[in-house]
Every structure is written in structure tokens, then in C-alpha cells.
C-alpha atoms as a PDB file:
ATOM      1  CA  MET A   1      52.831 136.819  68.388  1.00  0.00           C
ATOM      2  CA  ASP A   2      51.557 140.168  67.002  1.00  0.00           C
ATOM      3  CA  ARG A   3      48.079 139.437  68.306  1.00  0.00           C
ATOM      4  CA  ILE A   4      49.466 138.799  71.772  1.00  0.00           C
ATOM      5  CA  LYS A   5      51.382 142.069  71.728  1.00  0.00           C
ATOM      6  CA  SER A   6      48.350 144.050  70.569  1.00  0.00           C
ATOM      7  CA  SER A   7      46.166 142.479  73.285  1.00  0.00           C
ATOM      8  CA  PHE A   8      48.752 143.352  75.907  1.00  0.00           C
ATOM      9  CA  ILE A   9      48.921 146.954  74.723  1.00  0.00           C
ATOM     10  CA  ILE A  10      45.137 147.378  74.684  1.00  0.00           C
ATOM     11  CA  TYR A  11      44.838 145.873  78.160  1.00  0.00           C
ATOM     12  CA  ASN A  12      47.377 148.290  79.591  1.00  0.00           C
ATOM     13  CA  LEU A  13      45.704 151.170  77.748  1.00  0.00           C
ATOM     14  CA  ARG A  14      42.377 150.337  79.436  1.00  0.00           C
ATOM     15  CA  LEU A  15      44.026 150.416  82.824  1.00  0.00           C
ATOM     16  CA  VAL A  16      45.547 153.843  82.116  1.00  0.00           C
ATOM     17  CA  ILE A  17      42.231 155.276  80.919  1.00  0.00           C
ATOM     18  CA  LYS A  18      40.392 153.976  84.009  1.00  0.00           C
ATOM     19  CA  ARG A  19      42.942 155.561  86.321  1.00  0.00           C
ATOM     20  CA  LEU A  20      42.867 158.906  84.483  1.00  0.00           C
ATOM     21  CA  PHE A  21      39.086 158.912  84.176  1.00  0.00           C
ATOM     22  CA  PRO A  22      37.578 156.999  87.140  1.00  0.00           C
ATOM     23  CA  ILE A  23      34.098 158.207  86.125  1.00  0.00           C
ATOM     24  CA  ILE A  24      34.149 155.656  83.354  1.00  0.00           C
ATOM     25  CA  ASP A  25      33.628 152.861  85.893  1.00  0.00           C
ATOM     26  CA  ARG A  26      30.651 154.708  87.359  1.00  0.00           C
ATOM     27  CA  LEU A  27      29.052 155.295  83.974  1.00  0.00           C
ATOM     28  CA  ASN A  28      29.671 151.698  83.058  1.00  0.00           C
ATOM     29  CA  VAL A  29      31.150 152.704  79.754  1.00  0.00           C
ATOM     30  CA  HIS A  30      32.399 149.794  77.736  1.00  0.00           C
ATOM     31  CA  ILE A  31      35.892 150.120  76.307  1.00  0.00           C
ATOM     32  CA  PRO A  32      36.364 147.891  73.314  1.00  0.00           C
ATOM     33  CA  CYS A  33      39.275 145.454  73.398  1.00  0.00           C
ATOM     34  CA  VAL A  34      40.672 142.748  71.260  1.00  0.00           C
ATOM     35  CA  HIS A  35      40.482 139.241  72.643  1.00  0.00           C
ATOM     36  CA  SER A  36      43.057 136.638  71.622  1.00  0.00           C
ATOM     37  CA  ARG A  37      41.970 133.189  70.607  1.00  0.00           C
ATOM     38  CA  SER A  38      44.257 130.195  70.832  1.00  0.00           C
ATOM     39  CA  VAL A  39      44.623 128.357  67.583  1.00  0.00           C
ATOM     40  CA  TYR A  40      46.346 125.368  69.256  1.00  0.00           C
ATOM     41  CA  HIS A  41      44.608 122.376  70.788  1.00  0.00           C
ATOM     42  CA  GLY A  42      45.577 120.874  74.180  1.00  0.00           C
ATOM     43  CA  ASP A  43      44.907 117.173  73.623  1.00  0.00           C
ATOM     44  CA  TYR A  44      48.554 116.141  73.552  1.00  0.00           C
ATOM     45  CA  PRO A  45      49.210 112.424  74.200  1.00  0.00           C
ATOM     46  CA  LYS A  46      50.391 111.570  77.698  1.00  0.00           C
ATOM     47  CA  PRO A  47      53.911 110.079  77.968  1.00  0.00           C
ATOM     48  CA  GLU A  48      53.842 106.351  78.593  1.00  0.00           C
ATOM     49  CA  PHE A  49      57.551 105.561  79.158  1.00  0.00           C
ATOM     50  CA  ASP A  50      56.850 101.957  78.187  1.00  0.00           C
ATOM     51  CA  GLU A  51      60.430 101.455  77.071  1.00  0.00           C
ATOM     52  CA  LEU A  52      61.560 102.176  80.640  1.00  0.00           C
ATOM     53  CA  ARG A  53      58.949 100.082  82.430  1.00  0.00           C
ATOM     54  CA  LYS A  54      59.263  96.402  83.329  1.00  0.00           C
ATOM     55  CA  ASP A  55      57.173  93.938  81.360  1.00  0.00           C
ATOM     56  CA  SER A  56      55.522  92.726  84.572  1.00  0.00           C
ATOM     57  CA  THR A  57      54.070  96.198  85.240  1.00  0.00           C
ATOM     58  CA  LYS A  58      52.736  97.047  81.773  1.00  0.00           C
ATOM     59  CA  ASN A  59      49.524  95.067  82.054  1.00  0.00           C
ATOM     60  CA  PRO A  60      46.938  97.252  83.850  1.00  0.00           C
ATOM     61  CA  CYS A  61      44.788  94.204  84.606  1.00  0.00           C
ATOM     62  CA  VAL A  62      47.434  92.557  86.792  1.00  0.00           C
ATOM     63  CA  LYS A  63      47.629  93.528  90.458  1.00  0.00           C
ATOM     64  CA  ASN A  64      50.848  94.817  91.906  1.00  0.00           C
ATOM     65  CA  SER A  65      50.915  91.978  94.455  1.00  0.00           C
ATOM     66  CA  GLU A  66      50.646  89.356  91.708  1.00  0.00           C
ATOM     67  CA  SER A  67      53.778  90.556  89.914  1.00  0.00           C
ATOM     68  CA  ALA A  68      55.771  91.265  93.078  1.00  0.00           C
ATOM     69  CA  ASP A  69      57.666  87.935  93.057  1.00  0.00           C
ATOM     70  CA  GLU A  70      58.837  88.349  89.497  1.00  0.00           C
ATOM     71  CA  ARG A  71      60.011  91.898  90.149  1.00  0.00           C
ATOM     72  CA  LYS A  72      61.786  90.908  93.377  1.00  0.00           C
ATOM     73  CA  VAL A  73      63.767  88.181  91.628  1.00  0.00           C
ATOM     74  CA  ALA A  74      65.115  90.689  89.145  1.00  0.00           C
ATOM     75  CA  ALA A  75      66.003  93.081  91.969  1.00  0.00           C
ATOM     76  CA  TYR A  76      67.439  90.528  94.428  1.00  0.00           C
ATOM     77  CA  LEU A  77      69.563  88.561  91.952  1.00  0.00           C
ATOM     78  CA  PRO A  78      72.202  91.303  91.424  1.00  0.00           C
ATOM     79  CA  THR A  79      72.290  91.886  95.183  1.00  0.00           C
ATOM     80  CA  PHE A  80      72.889  88.171  95.814  1.00  0.00           C
ATOM     81  CA  VAL A  81      75.647  87.977  93.201  1.00  0.00           C
ATOM     82  CA  ALA A  82      77.323  91.083  94.637  1.00  0.00           C
ATOM     83  CA  GLY A  83      77.096  89.619  98.154  1.00  0.00           C
ATOM     84  CA  VAL A  84      78.719  86.328  97.123  1.00  0.00           C
ATOM     85  CA  ALA A  85      81.486  88.190  95.307  1.00  0.00           C
ATOM     86  CA  GLY A  86      82.013  90.357  98.387  1.00  0.00           C
ATOM     87  CA  LEU A  87      82.310  87.285 100.629  1.00  0.00           C
ATOM     88  CA  TYR A  88      84.931  85.710  98.376  1.00  0.00           C
ATOM     89  CA  ALA A  89      86.862  88.984  98.237  1.00  0.00           C
ATOM     90  CA  SER A  90      86.720  89.313 102.033  1.00  0.00           C
ATOM     91  CA  LYS A  91      87.914  85.710 102.415  1.00  0.00           C
ATOM     92  CA  ALA A  92      90.898  86.359 100.154  1.00  0.00           C
ATOM     93  CA  ILE A  93      91.834  89.559 102.009  1.00  0.00           C
ATOM     94  CA  ILE A  94      91.519  87.953 105.460  1.00  0.00           C
ATOM     95  CA  HIS A  95      93.504  84.892 104.346  1.00  0.00           C
ATOM     96  CA  GLN A  96      96.255  87.128 102.982  1.00  0.00           C
ATOM     97  CA  HIS A  97      96.497  89.055 106.257  1.00  0.00           C
ATOM     98  CA  LEU A  98      96.533  85.842 108.304  1.00  0.00           C
ATOM     99  CA  MET A  99      99.311  84.409 106.154  1.00  0.00           C
ATOM    100  CA  THR A 100     101.435  87.497 106.829  1.00  0.00           C
ATOM    101  CA  MET A 101     101.151  86.767 110.561  1.00  0.00           C
ATOM    102  CA  ALA A 102     101.945  83.061 110.163  1.00  0.00           C
ATOM    103  CA  PRO A 103     105.465  81.857 110.987  1.00  0.00           C
ATOM    104  CA  SER A 104     107.939  81.621 108.151  1.00  0.00           C
ATOM    105  CA  ARG A 105     109.161  78.323 106.691  1.00  0.00           C
ATOM    106  CA  ASP A 106     112.434  78.385 108.572  1.00  0.00           C
ATOM    107  CA  VAL A 107     110.529  78.812 111.845  1.00  0.00           C
ATOM    108  CA  LEU A 108     108.213  75.932 110.952  1.00  0.00           C
ATOM    109  CA  ALA A 109     111.224  73.787 110.109  1.00  0.00           C
ATOM    110  CA  ALA A 110     112.739  74.557 113.502  1.00  0.00           C
ATOM    111  CA  ALA A 111     109.440  73.647 115.167  1.00  0.00           C
ATOM    112  CA  LYS A 112     110.081  69.972 114.375  1.00  0.00           C
ATOM    113  CA  THR A 113     113.194  68.006 115.208  1.00  0.00           C
ATOM    114  CA  GLU A 114     113.989  64.492 114.019  1.00  0.00           C
ATOM    115  CA  VAL A 115     116.213  62.357 116.225  1.00  0.00           C
ATOM    116  CA  ASN A 116     117.941  59.061 115.496  1.00  0.00           C
ATOM    117  CA  ILE A 117     117.342  56.888 118.580  1.00  0.00           C
ATOM    118  CA  ALA A 118     119.093  53.760 117.353  1.00  0.00           C
ATOM    119  CA  ASN A 119     122.343  54.580 119.165  1.00  0.00           C
ATOM    120  CA  ILE A 120     120.850  55.426 122.588  1.00  0.00           C
ATOM    121  CA  PRO A 121     121.737  52.587 125.016  1.00  0.00           C
ATOM    122  CA  GLU A 122     119.360  51.321 127.681  1.00  0.00           C
ATOM    123  CA  ASN A 123     118.994  53.349 130.888  1.00  0.00           C
ATOM    124  CA  LYS A 124     120.592  56.339 129.180  1.00  0.00           C
ATOM    125  CA  VAL A 125     119.137  59.764 128.403  1.00  0.00           C
ATOM    126  CA  GLN A 126     119.897  61.785 125.301  1.00  0.00           C
ATOM    127  CA  ILE A 127     119.311  65.513 125.655  1.00  0.00           C
ATOM    128  CA  ILE A 128     118.419  67.528 122.560  1.00  0.00           C
ATOM    129  CA  LYS A 129     117.232  71.085 122.006  1.00  0.00           C
ATOM    130  CA  TRP A 130     113.727  71.668 120.636  1.00  0.00           C
ATOM    131  CA  GLN A 131     112.304  75.194 120.261  1.00  0.00           C
ATOM    132  CA  GLY A 132     114.932  76.474 122.685  1.00  0.00           C
ATOM    133  CA  ARG A 133     114.043  73.932 125.386  1.00  0.00           C
ATOM    134  CA  PRO A 134     115.862  70.775 126.487  1.00  0.00           C
ATOM    135  CA  VAL A 135     114.142  67.480 125.723  1.00  0.00           C
ATOM    136  CA  PHE A 136     115.003  64.195 127.450  1.00  0.00           C
ATOM    137  CA  ILE A 137     114.823  61.010 125.348  1.00  0.00           C
ATOM    138  CA  TYR A 138     115.026  58.146 127.826  1.00  0.00           C
ATOM    139  CA  HIS A 139     115.690  54.563 126.671  1.00  0.00           C
ATOM    140  CA  ARG A 140     114.241  52.584 129.576  1.00  0.00           C
ATOM    141  CA  SER A 141     115.024  48.971 130.390  1.00  0.00           C
ATOM    142  CA  GLN A 142     112.414  46.378 131.281  1.00  0.00           C
ATOM    143  CA  GLU A 143     113.417  46.727 134.919  1.00  0.00           C
ATOM    144  CA  LEU A 144     112.617  50.466 134.925  1.00  0.00           C
ATOM    145  CA  ILE A 145     109.367  49.876 133.036  1.00  0.00           C
ATOM    146  CA  GLY A 146     108.224  47.335 135.648  1.00  0.00           C
ATOM    147  CA  GLN A 147     109.248  49.709 138.436  1.00  0.00           C
ATOM    148  CA  GLU A 148     107.033  52.491 137.124  1.00  0.00           C
ATOM    149  CA  ARG A 149     104.102  50.214 136.258  1.00  0.00           C
ATOM    150  CA  ALA A 150     104.081  48.890 139.840  1.00  0.00           C
ATOM    151  CA  MET A 151     103.749  52.374 141.327  1.00  0.00           C
ATOM    152  CA  ASN A 152     100.408  53.173 143.016  1.00  0.00           C
ATOM    153  CA  ILE A 153      99.349  56.428 141.386  1.00  0.00           C
ATOM    154  CA  VAL A 154      97.141  57.335 144.374  1.00  0.00           C
ATOM    155  CA  GLU A 155     100.313  58.171 146.263  1.00  0.00           C
ATOM    156  CA  LEU A 156     101.461  60.630 143.595  1.00  0.00           C
ATOM    157  CA  ARG A 157     101.000  64.391 143.811  1.00  0.00           C
ATOM    158  CA  ASP A 158      99.990  64.565 140.160  1.00  0.00           C
ATOM    159  CA  PRO A 159      98.451  61.099 139.557  1.00  0.00           C
ATOM    160  CA  GLU A 160      99.025  59.762 136.060  1.00  0.00           C
ATOM    161  CA  GLU A 161      99.552  56.250 134.723  1.00  0.00           C
ATOM    162  CA  ASP A 162     102.920  55.429 133.188  1.00  0.00           C
ATOM    163  CA  SER A 163     101.274  54.056 130.050  1.00  0.00           C
ATOM    164  CA  ALA A 164      99.327  57.303 129.558  1.00  0.00           C
ATOM    165  CA  ARG A 165     102.526  59.350 129.222  1.00  0.00           C
ATOM    166  CA  LEU A 166     104.237  57.459 126.392  1.00  0.00           C
ATOM    167  CA  LYS A 167     103.671  55.684 123.093  1.00  0.00           C
ATOM    168  CA  ARG A 168     106.231  52.913 123.524  1.00  0.00           C
ATOM    169  CA  PRO A 169     107.098  51.531 126.997  1.00  0.00           C
ATOM    170  CA  GLU A 170     110.855  51.606 126.387  1.00  0.00           C
ATOM    171  CA  TRP A 171     110.973  55.226 125.213  1.00  0.00           C
ATOM    172  CA  MET A 172     110.107  58.169 127.443  1.00  0.00           C
ATOM    173  CA  VAL A 173     110.169  61.679 125.926  1.00  0.00           C
ATOM    174  CA  LEU A 174     110.042  64.624 128.356  1.00  0.00           C
ATOM    175  CA  ILE A 175     110.603  68.371 128.323  1.00  0.00           C
ATOM    176  CA  GLY A 176     113.536  68.846 130.683  1.00  0.00           C
ATOM    177  CA  ILE A 177     112.189  71.853 132.573  1.00  0.00           C
ATOM    178  CA  CYS A 178     111.152  71.562 136.206  1.00  0.00           C
ATOM    179  CA  THR A 179     107.533  72.550 136.800  1.00  0.00           C
ATOM    180  CA  HIS A 180     108.496  74.447 139.955  1.00  0.00           C
ATOM    181  CA  LEU A 181     110.654  77.365 138.777  1.00  0.00           C
ATOM    182  CA  GLY A 182     111.989  76.199 135.415  1.00  0.00           C
ATOM    183  CA  CYS A 183     115.360  74.629 136.266  1.00  0.00           C
ATOM    184  CA  VAL A 184     116.773  71.733 134.225  1.00  0.00           C
ATOM    185  CA  PRO A 185     116.712  68.437 136.182  1.00  0.00           C
ATOM    186  CA  ILE A 186     119.670  66.055 136.202  1.00  0.00           C
ATOM    187  CA  PRO A 187     119.016  62.592 134.664  1.00  0.00           C
ATOM    188  CA  ASN A 188     119.815  59.408 136.591  1.00  0.00           C
ATOM    189  CA  ALA A 189     119.881  61.233 139.926  1.00  0.00           C
ATOM    190  CA  GLY A 190     117.680  61.610 142.995  1.00  0.00           C
ATOM    191  CA  VAL A 191     115.840  59.259 145.326  1.00  0.00           C
ATOM    192  CA  VAL A 192     114.086  57.370 142.509  1.00  0.00           C
ATOM    193  CA  PRO A 193     116.342  54.823 140.724  1.00  0.00           C
ATOM    194  CA  GLY A 194     117.002  56.070 137.199  1.00  0.00           C
ATOM    195  CA  GLY A 195     114.906  59.195 137.810  1.00  0.00           C
ATOM    196  CA  PHE A 196     115.546  62.942 137.599  1.00  0.00           C
ATOM    197  CA  PHE A 197     116.653  65.409 140.269  1.00  0.00           C
ATOM    198  CA  CYS A 198     116.204  69.200 140.156  1.00  0.00           C
ATOM    199  CA  PRO A 199     119.264  70.800 141.823  1.00  0.00           C
ATOM    200  CA  CYS A 200     117.561  74.174 142.336  1.00  0.00           C
ATOM    201  CA  HIS A 201     114.943  73.252 144.953  1.00  0.00           C
ATOM    202  CA  GLY A 202     115.232  69.483 145.349  1.00  0.00           C
ATOM    203  CA  SER A 203     112.328  68.103 143.304  1.00  0.00           C
ATOM    204  CA  HIS A 204     112.552  64.375 142.433  1.00  0.00           C
ATOM    205  CA  PHE A 205     110.926  62.746 139.356  1.00  0.00           C
ATOM    206  CA  ASP A 206     110.745  59.097 138.307  1.00  0.00           C
ATOM    207  CA  THR A 207     111.660  57.723 134.876  1.00  0.00           C
ATOM    208  CA  ALA A 208     108.144  58.606 133.629  1.00  0.00           C
ATOM    209  CA  GLY A 209     108.680  62.249 134.632  1.00  0.00           C
ATOM    210  CA  ARG A 210     106.161  62.073 137.474  1.00  0.00           C
ATOM    211  CA  VAL A 211     106.937  64.170 140.552  1.00  0.00           C
ATOM    212  CA  ARG A 212     107.713  62.032 143.611  1.00  0.00           C
ATOM    213  CA  LYS A 213     109.170  64.498 146.075  1.00  0.00           C
ATOM    214  CA  GLY A 214     109.922  68.193 146.440  1.00  0.00           C
ATOM    215  CA  PRO A 215     108.082  71.461 145.666  1.00  0.00           C
ATOM    216  CA  ALA A 216     107.279  70.748 142.008  1.00  0.00           C
ATOM    217  CA  PRO A 217     103.468  70.880 141.601  1.00  0.00           C
ATOM    218  CA  LYS A 218     103.179  68.999 138.299  1.00  0.00           C
ATOM    219  CA  ASN A 219     104.812  66.204 136.376  1.00  0.00           C
ATOM    220  CA  LEU A 220     107.347  66.986 133.651  1.00  0.00           C
ATOM    221  CA  ALA A 221     105.594  67.918 130.420  1.00  0.00           C
ATOM    222  CA  VAL A 222     105.499  65.564 127.440  1.00  0.00           C
ATOM    223  CA  PRO A 223     106.073  67.243 124.044  1.00  0.00           C
ATOM    224  CA  PRO A 224     104.174  66.203 120.915  1.00  0.00           C
ATOM    225  CA  TYR A 225     106.108  63.481 119.115  1.00  0.00           C
ATOM    226  CA  GLN A 226     105.745  60.455 116.894  1.00  0.00           C
ATOM    227  CA  PHE A 227     107.839  57.532 115.708  1.00  0.00           C
ATOM    228  CA  THR A 228     108.509  57.738 111.984  1.00  0.00           C
ATOM    229  CA  ASP A 229     110.085  54.260 112.117  1.00  0.00           C
ATOM    230  CA  ASP A 230     111.911  52.016 114.588  1.00  0.00           C
ATOM    231  CA  GLN A 231     115.033  54.168 114.525  1.00  0.00           C
ATOM    232  CA  ASN A 232     113.756  57.746 114.195  1.00  0.00           C
ATOM    233  CA  LEU A 233     111.679  59.999 116.402  1.00  0.00           C
ATOM    234  CA  LEU A 234     110.022  63.237 115.229  1.00  0.00           C
ATOM    235  CA  ILE A 235     109.397  65.843 117.923  1.00  0.00           C
ATOM    236  CA  GLY A 236     106.933  68.631 117.216  1.00  0.00           C
END
């Protein structure tokens, strides 16, 4: 450190002398100075960082393209695992939100109604309430069944076979709302024997709920139902 300081002082002193006596440069007078000499060598080892490098990149004889697959597997595997975990998390969140919008259990219970049909006599209609709408359960006799089966559906406004609207010939299940403007038809009334009559605008339906006369454009709707046994009917 002392040698560096002395060299710095001598260098500055030479500059001062040359400025005070510019003739020295013309006479080419040599001003002695002390030169510093480094006593340290510069052949320090280069850092390798081998502990931070991947094993597939340490061999200088292997091309980068040859070890690319091995390196990509190590890089893509965490991404794949994170993606799968993200999908499962998204599924759980979406399912939770959908369940909050689903109807409650009491609403689902009200969506289905079980009816005992053992006490419904022939040619009579039992009216029940399902989801706020009237439902007609018609116990048809063989005479009414033959009457509807003999009908030529080509003559109907909304052609539909009798057998296509029911599961058992003797039982007809209909939503009791007129397809014209939503009035409730009257059972066992109208021009069709045993049929339905809408008192609002005069639409007539047969025992299969098919429109025969009047402004109604469609047949009476059939709700989803099934027979749980010979005496019980489940609507919904």
C-alpha cells in the first residue's frame, strides 16, 4: 500500500513540474519515477458452479440436443403435476358452486308425488296437485280404450297414437292445463264421451288428452311418471 501511495505522489509531482516548467518537455529531460510491480498472480481458477448444474449438462462431449429430452422431463413433470392438481381444485370449486344453485331437498321431495290408484273407479278422474299444477289420473274402461284406439289420427290436429301417450291402456295421466291459454279443463264433459272440456274457450279433448275441437293447438301434456307397483303411481 505504501508503494502505491509513493507512486501516486511521484506521478502527480511530475505533472506539476511539467506544468510549471514546460521547457522540460522540449529538452526531453527525464524525470525519474518509481514504478510499482504487482506481486500477485492473475491465474485464479474459473468458477465452475458444478453443484448448481444438472448432471445431463456437465459432460462437455455431449451435445445439447442429445440431453434435451432428459432435461425436458425434469422441467415438464412439475408443470404436469401442478396442472392436474389445478384441474382437481377447479372441479371441486365448480361443483361446490353448482351445488349451491341446486334445489334443496324439500324442493326435490315436492318434485315427486306418489299416488295410490287402487281406489279410483273406472271412468273416473282423480285430480292431484304436482309442482303447483293439476294432474288428471284417468282410470279408463275397456270401452273408452277401444274408442280411442279406433280413432283415425290423420283427422286430429295434433296427430298422436293413443298407445304412445301412456304406459298402461287403462291409466291415462295428463297435466290438466289447456294448451290454448292455460285454463283447467273439466273431466267427463264435452263432445267426446268421457273426454275433457275447457270452459274458457271451448276446446274439447278425448280421454287420451288429444285435442278434437276448439282453439287449442296441442294435446294435453303428459308428465313424467312410472308405476312403482299395481297400486301406486309416482309422478315426477
